[in-house]
C-alpha atoms as a PDB file:
ATOM      1  CA  MET A   1     310.308  76.581 119.168  1.00  0.00           C
ATOM      2  CA  ARG A   2     309.093  73.826 121.496  1.00  0.00           C
ATOM      3  CA  TYR A   3     308.011  70.905 119.391  1.00  0.00           C
ATOM      4  CA  TYR A   4     308.050  67.421 120.732  1.00  0.00           C
ATOM      5  CA  ASN A   5     308.891  65.299 117.707  1.00  0.00           C
ATOM      6  CA  THR A   6     308.361  64.768 113.982  1.00  0.00           C
ATOM      7  CA  TYR A   7     307.079  61.408 112.761  1.00  0.00           C
ATOM      8  CA  LYS A   8     307.134  59.820 109.299  1.00  0.00           C
ATOM      9  CA  ASP A   9     303.794  58.088 109.842  1.00  0.00           C
ATOM     10  CA  GLU A  10     300.447  58.978 111.415  1.00  0.00           C
ATOM     11  CA  VAL A  11     300.715  59.451 115.187  1.00  0.00           C
ATOM     12  CA  SER A  12     298.307  57.331 117.238  1.00  0.00           C
ATOM     13  CA  GLU A  13     295.873  58.826 119.756  1.00  0.00           C
ATOM     14  CA  GLU A  14     297.636  56.734 122.402  1.00  0.00           C
ATOM     15  CA  GLU A  15     301.024  58.338 121.619  1.00  0.00           C
ATOM     16  CA  VAL A  16     299.537  61.832 121.593  1.00  0.00           C
ATOM     17  CA  ALA A  17     297.805  61.088 124.930  1.00  0.00           C
ATOM     18  CA  LYS A  18     301.141  60.025 126.455  1.00  0.00           C
ATOM     19  CA  ILE A  19     302.809  63.231 125.248  1.00  0.00           C
ATOM     20  CA  ALA A  20     300.023  65.386 126.744  1.00  0.00           C
ATOM     21  CA  ALA A  21     300.249  63.483 130.055  1.00  0.00           C
ATOM     22  CA  ARG A  22     304.037  63.875 130.165  1.00  0.00           C
ATOM     23  CA  HIS A  23     303.712  67.623 129.679  1.00  0.00           C
ATOM     24  CA  ALA A  24     300.954  67.941 132.298  1.00  0.00           C
ATOM     25  CA  ALA A  25     303.597  66.908 134.830  1.00  0.00           C
ATOM     26  CA  GLU A  26     305.619  70.006 133.782  1.00  0.00           C
ATOM     27  CA  GLY A  27     302.669  72.343 134.363  1.00  0.00           C
ATOM     28  CA  MET A  28     303.091  75.038 136.990  1.00  0.00           C
ATOM     29  CA  ASP A  29     300.267  76.629 138.946  1.00  0.00           C
ATOM     30  CA  SER A  30     301.283  78.122 142.271  1.00  0.00           C
ATOM     31  CA  TYR A  31     297.644  78.515 143.309  1.00  0.00           C
ATOM     32  CA  SER A  32     296.139  75.100 142.581  1.00  0.00           C
ATOM     33  CA  GLY A  33     299.177  72.917 141.911  1.00  0.00           C
ATOM     34  CA  TYR A  34     297.173  71.749 138.887  1.00  0.00           C
ATOM     35  CA  GLY A  35     299.272  70.822 135.864  1.00  0.00           C
ATOM     36  CA  VAL A  36     297.885  70.827 132.325  1.00  0.00           C
ATOM     37  CA  GLY A  37     299.638  69.407 129.271  1.00  0.00           C
ATOM     38  CA  ALA A  38     298.708  69.603 125.606  1.00  0.00           C
ATOM     39  CA  ALA A  39     299.885  67.951 122.404  1.00  0.00           C
ATOM     40  CA  LEU A  40     299.024  69.381 118.983  1.00  0.00           C
ATOM     41  CA  VAL A  41     299.431  67.176 115.889  1.00  0.00           C
ATOM     42  CA  VAL A  42     300.190  68.952 112.612  1.00  0.00           C
ATOM     43  CA  ALA A  43     300.246  67.018 109.322  1.00  0.00           C
ATOM     44  CA  HIS A  44     302.530  68.465 106.666  1.00  0.00           C
ATOM     45  CA  GLY A  45     304.628  67.711 103.632  1.00  0.00           C
ATOM     46  CA  ASP A  46     304.784  64.177 102.365  1.00  0.00           C
ATOM     47  CA  ASN A  47     303.088  62.199 105.165  1.00  0.00           C
ATOM     48  CA  GLN A  48     304.964  63.881 108.028  1.00  0.00           C
ATOM     49  CA  PHE A  49     303.468  64.708 111.407  1.00  0.00           C
ATOM     50  CA  THR A  50     304.910  67.126 113.934  1.00  0.00           C
ATOM     51  CA  VAL A  51     303.719  67.198 117.529  1.00  0.00           C
ATOM     52  CA  TYR A  52     303.950  70.499 119.394  1.00  0.00           C
ATOM     53  CA  ALA A  53     303.627  70.243 123.154  1.00  0.00           C
ATOM     54  CA  GLY A  54     302.810  72.754 125.861  1.00  0.00           C
ATOM     55  CA  PHE A  55     302.055  73.046 129.558  1.00  0.00           C
ATOM     56  CA  ASN A  56     300.320  75.619 131.755  1.00  0.00           C
ATOM     57  CA  VAL A  57     302.192  78.346 133.635  1.00  0.00           C
ATOM     58  CA  ASN A  58     300.447  80.333 136.379  1.00  0.00           C
ATOM     59  CA  LEU A  59     302.906  81.693 138.915  1.00  0.00           C
ATOM     60  CA  SER A  60     302.022  83.958 141.818  1.00  0.00           C
ATOM     61  CA  GLY A  61     302.270  87.582 140.795  1.00  0.00           C
ATOM     62  CA  MET A  62     301.476  86.921 137.121  1.00  0.00           C
ATOM     63  CA  GLN A  63     298.715  89.090 135.662  1.00  0.00           C
ATOM     64  CA  THR A  64     297.669  86.339 133.261  1.00  0.00           C
ATOM     65  CA  LYS A  65     298.429  82.689 132.889  1.00  0.00           C
ATOM     66  CA  ILE A  66     299.628  80.695 129.920  1.00  0.00           C
ATOM     67  CA  HIS A  67     297.447  77.761 128.928  1.00  0.00           C
ATOM     68  CA  ALA A  68     299.010  74.526 127.670  1.00  0.00           C
ATOM     69  CA  GLU A  69     296.975  74.494 124.455  1.00  0.00           C
ATOM     70  CA  GLN A  70     297.920  78.071 123.687  1.00  0.00           C
ATOM     71  CA  MET A  71     301.623  77.333 124.193  1.00  0.00           C
ATOM     72  CA  ALA A  72     301.436  74.448 121.692  1.00  0.00           C
ATOM     73  CA  LEU A  73     299.400  76.486 119.181  1.00  0.00           C
ATOM     74  CA  MET A  74     301.709  79.510 119.351  1.00  0.00           C
ATOM     75  CA  ASP A  75     304.779  77.323 118.809  1.00  0.00           C
ATOM     76  CA  PHE A  76     303.095  76.056 115.649  1.00  0.00           C
ATOM     77  CA  VAL A  77     302.263  79.631 114.594  1.00  0.00           C
ATOM     78  CA  ALA A  78     305.914  80.599 115.150  1.00  0.00           C
ATOM     79  CA  ASP A  79     306.912  77.779 112.763  1.00  0.00           C
ATOM     80  CA  TRP A  80     304.367  78.778 110.106  1.00  0.00           C
ATOM     81  CA  PRO A  81     306.933  80.655 107.937  1.00  0.00           C
ATOM     82  CA  HIS A  82     308.986  77.428 107.619  1.00  0.00           C
ATOM     83  CA  TYR A  83     305.983  75.507 106.285  1.00  0.00           C
ATOM     84  CA  VAL A  84     305.195  78.310 103.816  1.00  0.00           C
ATOM     85  CA  ALA A  85     308.831  78.608 102.677  1.00  0.00           C
ATOM     86  CA  ASP A  86     308.917  74.868 101.947  1.00  0.00           C
ATOM     87  CA  ASP A  87     305.530  75.122 100.167  1.00  0.00           C
ATOM     88  CA  GLN A  88     304.068  72.353 102.334  1.00  0.00           C
ATOM     89  CA  ASN A  89     300.414  71.423 102.586  1.00  0.00           C
ATOM     90  CA  VAL A  90     299.564  71.771 106.301  1.00  0.00           C
ATOM     91  CA  GLU A  91     296.613  70.509 108.376  1.00  0.00           C
ATOM     92  CA  LEU A  92     295.863  70.735 112.077  1.00  0.00           C
ATOM     93  CA  ARG A  93     294.857  67.159 112.984  1.00  0.00           C
ATOM     94  CA  MET A  94     294.273  67.004 116.723  1.00  0.00           C
ATOM     95  CA  MET A  95     294.807  68.656 120.094  1.00  0.00           C
ATOM     96  CA  MET A  96     294.911  66.377 123.125  1.00  0.00           C
ATOM     97  CA  VAL A  97     294.818  67.812 126.666  1.00  0.00           C
ATOM     98  CA  ASN A  98     295.576  66.131 130.008  1.00  0.00           C
ATOM     99  CA  THR A  99     295.706  67.309 133.640  1.00  0.00           C
ATOM    100  CA  THR A 100     297.618  66.046 136.637  1.00  0.00           C
ATOM    101  CA  GLU A 101     294.220  65.482 138.270  1.00  0.00           C
ATOM    102  CA  ASP A 102     292.949  63.283 135.384  1.00  0.00           C
ATOM    103  CA  ASP A 103     289.539  64.905 135.681  1.00  0.00           C
ATOM    104  CA  GLY A 104     288.705  65.335 132.013  1.00  0.00           C
ATOM    105  CA  ALA A 105     287.563  68.928 132.615  1.00  0.00           C
ATOM    106  CA  LEU A 106     289.573  70.256 129.733  1.00  0.00           C
ATOM    107  CA  ARG A 107     287.350  72.271 127.474  1.00  0.00           C
ATOM    108  CA  CYS A 108     288.552  75.768 128.255  1.00  0.00           C
ATOM    109  CA  GLY A 109     286.455  78.266 126.307  1.00  0.00           C
ATOM    110  CA  HIS A 110     289.366  80.653 125.941  1.00  0.00           C
ATOM    111  CA  CYS A 111     291.580  77.931 124.451  1.00  0.00           C
ATOM    112  CA  LEU A 112     288.798  76.816 122.102  1.00  0.00           C
ATOM    113  CA  GLN A 113     288.500  80.420 120.930  1.00  0.00           C
ATOM    114  CA  VAL A 114     292.274  80.656 120.331  1.00  0.00           C
ATOM    115  CA  ALA A 115     292.232  77.352 118.381  1.00  0.00           C
ATOM    116  CA  THR A 116     289.291  78.655 116.336  1.00  0.00           C
ATOM    117  CA  ALA A 117     291.130  81.909 115.617  1.00  0.00           C
ATOM    118  CA  VAL A 118     294.214  79.989 114.419  1.00  0.00           C
ATOM    119  CA  CYS A 119     292.036  77.805 112.159  1.00  0.00           C
ATOM    120  CA  ASN A 120     290.211  80.805 110.745  1.00  0.00           C
ATOM    121  CA  HIS A 121     293.359  82.873 110.202  1.00  0.00           C
ATOM    122  CA  PHE A 122     295.268  80.133 108.377  1.00  0.00           C
ATOM    123  CA  GLY A 123     292.254  78.601 106.603  1.00  0.00           C
ATOM    124  CA  PHE A 124     292.206  75.253 108.460  1.00  0.00           C
ATOM    125  CA  SER A 125     289.024  73.207 108.766  1.00  0.00           C
ATOM    126  CA  ARG A 126     287.469  73.369 112.237  1.00  0.00           C
ATOM    127  CA  GLU A 127     285.384  70.359 111.230  1.00  0.00           C
ATOM    128  CA  ASP A 128     288.463  68.166 110.643  1.00  0.00           C
ATOM    129  CA  PHE A 129     290.489  69.425 113.648  1.00  0.00           C
ATOM    130  CA  LEU A 130     289.816  67.033 116.548  1.00  0.00           C
ATOM    131  CA  TYR A 131     290.037  68.452 120.049  1.00  0.00           C
ATOM    132  CA  GLY A 132     289.884  66.275 123.091  1.00  0.00           C
ATOM    133  CA  SER A 133     290.816  65.263 126.574  1.00  0.00           C
ATOM    134  CA  VAL A 134     292.585  62.252 127.964  1.00  0.00           C
ATOM    135  CA  ILE A 135     292.290  60.480 131.302  1.00  0.00           C
ATOM    136  CA  GLU A 136     294.756  57.852 132.513  1.00  0.00           C
ATOM    137  CA  GLU A 137     292.956  54.718 133.675  1.00  0.00           C
ATOM    138  CA  GLU A 138     294.903  51.711 134.953  1.00  0.00           C
ATOM    139  CA  ASP A 139     297.919  51.959 132.625  1.00  0.00           C
ATOM    140  CA  ARG A 140     295.880  53.002 129.590  1.00  0.00           C
ATOM    141  CA  PHE A 141     294.450  56.228 128.269  1.00  0.00           C
ATOM    142  CA  LYS A 142     290.761  56.980 127.724  1.00  0.00           C
ATOM    143  CA  THR A 143     290.239  59.754 125.184  1.00  0.00           C
ATOM    144  CA  GLU A 144     287.245  61.856 124.191  1.00  0.00           C
ATOM    145  CA  MET A 145     287.653  63.587 120.829  1.00  0.00           C
ATOM    146  CA  TYR A 146     285.303  66.066 119.170  1.00  0.00           C
ATOM    147  CA  PRO A 147     285.591  68.248 116.068  1.00  0.00           C
ATOM    148  CA  LEU A 148     286.481  71.810 117.040  1.00  0.00           C
ATOM    149  CA  ASP A 149     283.405  73.180 115.270  1.00  0.00           C
ATOM    150  CA  TYR A 150     281.225  70.959 117.511  1.00  0.00           C
ATOM    151  CA  LEU A 151     282.822  72.361 120.680  1.00  0.00           C
ATOM    152  CA  MET A 152     282.840  75.951 119.394  1.00  0.00           C
ATOM    153  CA  PRO A 153     279.951  76.157 116.901  1.00  0.00           C
ATOM    154  CA  GLU A 154     279.624  79.937 117.014  1.00  0.00           C
ATOM    155  CA  PRO A 155     282.985  81.492 117.830  1.00  0.00           C
ATOM    156  CA  HIS A 156     283.263  85.066 118.986  1.00  0.00           C
ATOM    157  CA  THR A 157     284.119  87.484 116.234  1.00  0.00           C
ATOM    158  CA  GLU A 158     285.989  90.719 116.390  1.00  0.00           C
ATOM    159  CA  VAL A 159     283.982  93.832 115.661  1.00  0.00           C
ATOM    160  CA  ARG A 160     286.058  96.907 114.966  1.00  0.00           C
ATOM    161  CA  ARG A 161     284.702 100.378 115.415  1.00  0.00           C
ATOM    162  CA  ASP A 162     286.220 101.578 112.147  1.00  0.00           C
ATOM    163  CA  GLN A 163     284.255  99.024 110.078  1.00  0.00           C
END
């Protein structure tokens, strides 16, 4: 489990942006040197908020890479049984992504599809789940947030041959 912190009150966009930026610095890509960090905010229980953080890993010789958003989402998925056991109401609130290049080019289609699949599987609202990017500008963070269903209005669906 790689969660960043649990808060007793709502977490500000500014705080989430800082967490994503901090984790971008941990990102590893031996080809581009490009670090990506993500912070996922999950609301649960009685006004509690847990932030899961992730960073990208793409080392030479790897067949596939690990995306920052996917790392954060899968850590949440790994914790799902704890939320269910405690009978907590859970909502995905926001995913904030940052790069070491501060270019704002952070709408990876594959990651949007994974986030959509998590929402669909667990019954979370894609309309209420905000997904965005952050750019550091002169000691402050500029964020762009959009509902997941706006960014991925028609997600891919699995078609099985036996159906």
